[in-house]
């Protein structure tokens, strides 16, 4: 698919940067959503990418749904149902991508802009970033599940019912992001995290993401049991042998010959 709203760059081995670039405010329409679904599926199957940084161009990560496209759309028709289906898959494409995704929040993430970030594995933000869920002011519904994924119950409901903004300092306070940095340092900070991940054994990293996704909604005992099945699958593999040998020999691991 030819990309119109997103850019894909590979600045260093194993690390991809996906940039939402739909001026002026990276609003989401059907085309942009279809693009990202396709792009992340493509990245899932590429052997040269281990980890992804997702960010936005300009001062806004994403202003959310393109209301010009939504205006006049009413329920009851097949096109409306298709629109909703694409929107759902757009949000979950981030979580479903086999590779870990680091969301680098360069600016405002509003409504569906925040929902897009909610599927990322790690979030880091500019100290000028903020989120907002103004759905009630736009005649829309949706986003409660995404808010409660990251935020305490009372905070999530306050944001949705009031449409107030949550600034970067409070995003860090509530544990939504792992770090805050000046805007001009954001991409490098995200790439630093990505490099640490790309140094690992790539197939094992994918298994780890799959384990997190599967265990997230399981009871503690069942979640850990699921992780143990993955440990059992890896036991005796060239990856595990090298990882454990390197630890015992007090040297960096060399996974170049470990295919699994």
Protein backbone atom coordinates (compact mmCIF):
# COMPACT_ATOMS: atom_id res chain seq x y z
CA UNK A 1 0.00 0.00 0.00
CA UNK A 2 1.26 3.49 -0.82
CA UNK A 3 1.50 5.52 2.38
CA UNK A 4 -0.08 8.97 2.48
CA UNK A 5 -0.55 9.61 6.22
CA UNK A 6 2.36 7.68 7.73
CA UNK A 7 6.11 7.51 7.16
CA UNK A 8 8.26 4.47 7.82
CA UNK A 9 11.96 4.98 8.51
CA UNK A 10 14.61 2.51 9.70
CA UNK A 11 17.32 4.75 11.21
CA UNK A 12 19.38 1.84 12.55
CA UNK A 13 19.36 -1.95 12.42
CA UNK A 14 16.23 -3.48 13.91
CA UNK A 15 14.58 -0.16 14.79
CA UNK A 16 11.67 1.32 12.84
CA UNK A 17 10.15 4.77 13.30
CA UNK A 18 6.53 5.18 12.21
CA UNK A 19 5.48 8.84 12.01
CA UNK A 20 1.88 9.99 11.73
CA UNK A 21 2.15 12.82 9.18
CA UNK A 22 -1.26 14.13 8.12
CA UNK A 23 -1.19 17.92 8.46
CA UNK A 24 -2.25 20.01 10.15
CA UNK A 25 -3.07 17.97 13.28
CA UNK A 26 -2.80 14.29 12.31
CA UNK A 27 -6.56 13.76 12.38
CA UNK A 28 -7.62 10.18 11.74
CA UNK A 29 -9.75 9.36 8.70
CA UNK A 30 -10.56 6.03 7.08
CA UNK A 31 -7.56 6.15 4.76
CA UNK A 32 -5.07 6.81 7.57
CA UNK A 33 -6.55 4.03 9.67
CA UNK A 34 -6.38 1.53 6.82
CA UNK A 35 -2.77 2.55 6.21
CA UNK A 36 -1.63 1.93 9.77
CA UNK A 37 -3.40 -1.44 9.96
CA UNK A 38 -1.61 -2.49 6.77
CA UNK A 39 1.73 -1.03 7.86
CA UNK A 40 1.80 -2.71 11.27
CA UNK A 41 0.80 -6.04 9.75
CA UNK A 42 3.68 -5.59 7.29
CA UNK A 43 6.08 -4.78 10.14
CA UNK A 44 4.94 -7.88 12.04
CA UNK A 45 6.20 -10.06 9.20
CA UNK A 46 9.44 -8.23 8.44
CA UNK A 47 12.64 -9.91 9.61
CA UNK A 48 14.64 -6.66 9.65
CA UNK A 49 12.52 -4.93 12.32
CA UNK A 50 12.61 -5.83 16.01
CA UNK A 51 10.96 -2.80 17.63
CA UNK A 52 8.92 0.23 16.56
CA UNK A 53 8.76 3.86 17.69
CA UNK A 54 5.38 5.46 16.94
CA UNK A 55 5.22 9.25 16.99
CA UNK A 56 3.59 12.24 15.30
CA UNK A 57 4.87 14.98 13.03
CA UNK A 58 4.65 18.54 14.30
CA UNK A 59 3.28 19.76 17.62
CA UNK A 60 0.34 17.33 17.83
CA UNK A 61 0.52 13.56 18.10
CA UNK A 62 -3.05 13.20 16.86
CA UNK A 63 -6.14 15.38 17.29
CA UNK A 64 -8.31 12.27 17.07
CA UNK A 65 -11.13 11.47 14.68
CA UNK A 66 -11.55 13.66 11.62
CA UNK A 67 -14.93 15.18 12.51
CA UNK A 68 -15.38 16.39 8.92
CA UNK A 69 -15.55 12.75 7.90
CA UNK A 70 -17.84 11.78 10.79
CA UNK A 71 -20.23 14.69 10.29
CA UNK A 72 -23.48 13.51 8.80
CA UNK A 73 -22.67 9.83 9.26
CA UNK A 74 -25.65 8.04 10.81
CA UNK A 75 -26.12 4.53 12.07
CA UNK A 76 -28.06 1.87 10.23
CA UNK A 77 -26.02 1.57 7.05
CA UNK A 78 -23.29 -0.84 6.04
CA UNK A 79 -20.82 2.01 5.58
CA UNK A 80 -21.28 3.06 9.20
CA UNK A 81 -20.67 -0.50 10.39
CA UNK A 82 -17.56 -0.74 8.20
CA UNK A 83 -16.29 2.58 9.56
CA UNK A 84 -16.65 1.31 13.13
CA UNK A 85 -14.93 -1.96 12.28
CA UNK A 86 -11.95 -0.19 10.70
CA UNK A 87 -11.73 2.15 13.68
CA UNK A 88 -11.62 -0.76 16.12
CA UNK A 89 -8.97 -2.60 14.12
CA UNK A 90 -6.92 0.60 13.85
CA UNK A 91 -6.66 0.88 17.62
CA UNK A 92 -5.95 -2.80 18.16
CA UNK A 93 -3.41 -3.02 15.33
CA UNK A 94 -0.84 -1.50 17.71
CA UNK A 95 -1.45 -4.15 20.35
CA UNK A 96 -1.65 -6.92 17.75
CA UNK A 97 1.66 -6.01 16.10
CA UNK A 98 4.14 -8.78 16.93
CA UNK A 99 6.91 -6.26 17.59
CA UNK A 100 7.01 -4.05 20.73
CA UNK A 101 5.85 -0.49 20.03
CA UNK A 102 7.13 2.54 21.93
CA UNK A 103 4.74 5.48 21.75
CA UNK A 104 6.63 8.78 21.71
CA UNK A 105 4.02 11.41 22.58
CA UNK A 106 5.29 14.56 20.92
CA UNK A 107 2.26 16.72 21.71
CA UNK A 108 -1.48 16.65 22.25
CA UNK A 109 -3.18 13.25 22.00
CA UNK A 110 -6.88 13.96 21.84
CA UNK A 111 -9.74 11.45 21.85
CA UNK A 112 -8.89 8.77 19.33
CA UNK A 113 -5.33 10.11 19.41
CA UNK A 114 -5.01 8.89 22.97
CA UNK A 115 -6.81 5.63 22.12
CA UNK A 116 -4.17 4.96 19.47
CA UNK A 117 -1.42 5.30 22.08
CA UNK A 118 -3.21 3.04 24.56
CA UNK A 119 -2.14 -0.06 22.65
CA UNK A 120 1.57 0.77 22.81
CA UNK A 121 3.82 -1.37 24.98
CA UNK A 122 5.76 1.59 26.39
CA UNK A 123 4.94 5.30 26.44
CA UNK A 124 7.38 8.19 26.75
CA UNK A 125 6.35 11.82 26.38
CA UNK A 126 7.50 15.33 25.74
CA UNK A 127 7.08 17.45 28.86
CA UNK A 128 4.77 19.61 26.71
CA UNK A 129 2.43 16.73 25.82
CA UNK A 130 -1.11 16.32 27.11
CA UNK A 131 -4.10 14.08 26.61
CA UNK A 132 -7.81 14.82 26.44
CA UNK A 133 -10.96 12.81 25.81
CA UNK A 134 -13.59 15.34 24.58
CA UNK A 135 -15.93 12.72 23.10
CA UNK A 136 -19.00 14.03 24.92
CA UNK A 137 -18.42 17.42 23.28
CA UNK A 138 -18.22 15.85 19.80
CA UNK A 139 -21.34 13.69 19.85
CA UNK A 140 -19.23 10.56 20.18
CA UNK A 141 -18.81 7.72 22.63
CA UNK A 142 -15.88 5.40 23.16
CA UNK A 143 -12.56 5.62 24.93
CA UNK A 144 -13.55 4.58 28.44
CA UNK A 145 -11.81 1.23 28.09
CA UNK A 146 -8.66 2.90 26.79
CA UNK A 147 -8.61 5.41 29.66
CA UNK A 148 -9.08 2.75 32.31
CA UNK A 149 -6.26 0.71 30.77
CA UNK A 150 -3.74 3.27 32.04
CA UNK A 151 -5.42 5.43 34.65
CA UNK A 152 -7.22 5.04 38.00
CA UNK A 153 -10.99 4.68 37.78
CA UNK A 154 -11.82 8.12 39.18
CA UNK A 155 -9.27 9.88 36.97
CA UNK A 156 -10.49 8.10 33.83
CA UNK A 157 -14.10 9.04 34.49
CA UNK A 158 -13.22 12.60 35.43
CA UNK A 159 -11.40 13.06 32.12
CA UNK A 160 -14.26 11.60 30.10
CA UNK A 161 -17.11 13.38 31.89
CA UNK A 162 -15.41 16.80 32.02
CA UNK A 163 -13.24 16.82 28.86
CA UNK A 164 -10.41 18.26 30.94
CA UNK A 165 -6.81 17.94 29.79
CA UNK A 166 -4.26 15.80 31.61
CA UNK A 167 -0.84 17.43 31.40
CA UNK A 168 2.50 15.67 31.11
CA UNK A 169 3.35 15.95 34.80
CA UNK A 170 0.14 14.18 35.79
CA UNK A 171 0.64 11.58 33.05
CA UNK A 172 3.93 10.70 34.75
CA UNK A 173 2.38 10.86 38.22
CA UNK A 174 -0.22 8.26 37.27
CA UNK A 175 2.35 6.01 35.61
CA UNK A 176 0.99 6.45 32.09
CA UNK A 177 4.48 7.23 30.75
CA UNK A 178 7.92 5.94 31.75
CA UNK A 179 9.65 9.31 31.36
CA UNK A 180 9.21 12.96 30.41
CA UNK A 181 11.83 14.75 28.32
CA UNK A 182 12.14 18.10 26.54
CA UNK A 183 10.52 18.03 23.07
CA UNK A 184 13.85 18.14 21.22
CA UNK A 185 15.06 15.06 23.13
CA UNK A 186 11.96 12.91 22.72
CA UNK A 187 12.90 10.94 19.62
CA UNK A 188 16.39 10.16 20.88
CA UNK A 189 14.99 9.04 24.24
CA UNK A 190 12.55 6.72 22.46
CA UNK A 191 15.32 5.40 20.21
CA UNK A 192 17.47 4.70 23.27
CA UNK A 193 14.73 2.45 24.64
CA UNK A 194 14.34 0.85 21.22
CA UNK A 195 18.07 0.09 21.02
CA UNK A 196 17.97 -1.70 24.36
CA UNK A 197 15.17 -3.92 23.04
CA UNK A 198 16.84 -4.48 19.67
CA UNK A 199 19.94 -5.83 21.46
CA UNK A 200 17.88 -8.74 22.74
CA UNK A 201 17.11 -11.94 20.84
CA UNK A 202 14.38 -10.76 18.48
CA UNK A 203 12.22 -13.93 18.38
CA UNK A 204 12.30 -14.08 22.19
CA UNK A 205 11.15 -10.46 22.39
CA UNK A 206 8.18 -11.33 20.19
CA UNK A 207 7.33 -14.24 22.46
CA UNK A 208 7.54 -11.91 25.44
CA UNK A 209 5.06 -9.48 23.87
CA UNK A 210 2.73 -12.37 23.06
CA UNK A 211 2.99 -13.48 26.69
CA UNK A 212 2.10 -10.02 27.98
CA UNK A 213 -0.88 -9.78 25.64
CA UNK A 214 -2.18 -13.21 26.59
CA UNK A 215 -1.57 -12.88 30.32
CA UNK A 216 -3.03 -9.38 30.61
CA UNK A 217 -6.62 -10.57 31.05
CA UNK A 218 -5.85 -13.83 32.85
CA UNK A 219 -5.84 -14.45 36.61
CA UNK A 220 -2.35 -14.28 38.10
CA UNK A 221 -1.92 -18.04 38.40
CA UNK A 222 -3.11 -18.74 34.86
CA UNK A 223 -1.06 -15.88 33.45
CA UNK A 224 2.15 -17.13 35.00
CA UNK A 225 1.34 -20.69 33.94
CA UNK A 226 1.01 -19.44 30.36
CA UNK A 227 4.43 -17.79 30.59
CA UNK A 228 5.86 -21.06 31.88
CA UNK A 229 4.67 -22.81 28.72
CA UNK A 230 6.77 -20.34 26.70
CA UNK A 231 9.77 -20.97 28.96
CA UNK A 232 9.31 -24.68 28.32
CA UNK A 233 9.17 -24.08 24.55
CA UNK A 234 12.47 -22.20 24.73
CA UNK A 235 14.23 -24.72 26.96
CA UNK A 236 17.14 -26.29 25.14
CA UNK A 237 16.95 -23.85 22.23
CA UNK A 238 20.12 -22.23 20.92
CA UNK A 239 18.84 -18.93 22.32
CA UNK A 240 18.38 -20.24 25.87
CA UNK A 241 21.66 -22.16 25.84
CA UNK A 242 23.58 -19.07 24.76
CA UNK A 243 21.73 -16.73 27.17
CA UNK A 244 22.48 -18.94 30.17
CA UNK A 245 26.04 -19.73 29.11
CA UNK A 246 26.80 -16.04 28.64
CA UNK A 247 25.43 -15.27 32.10
CA UNK A 248 27.54 -17.98 33.74
CA UNK A 249 30.64 -16.92 31.80
CA UNK A 250 30.01 -13.25 32.62
CA UNK A 251 30.09 -12.05 29.01
CA UNK A 252 27.64 -10.44 26.57
CA UNK A 253 25.42 -12.97 24.82
CA UNK A 254 25.89 -13.58 21.10
CA UNK A 255 22.59 -14.56 19.50
CA UNK A 256 23.82 -14.48 15.91
CA UNK A 257 23.53 -18.27 15.61
CA UNK A 258 20.29 -18.58 17.59
CA UNK A 259 17.41 -18.82 15.16
CA UNK A 260 14.66 -19.50 17.73
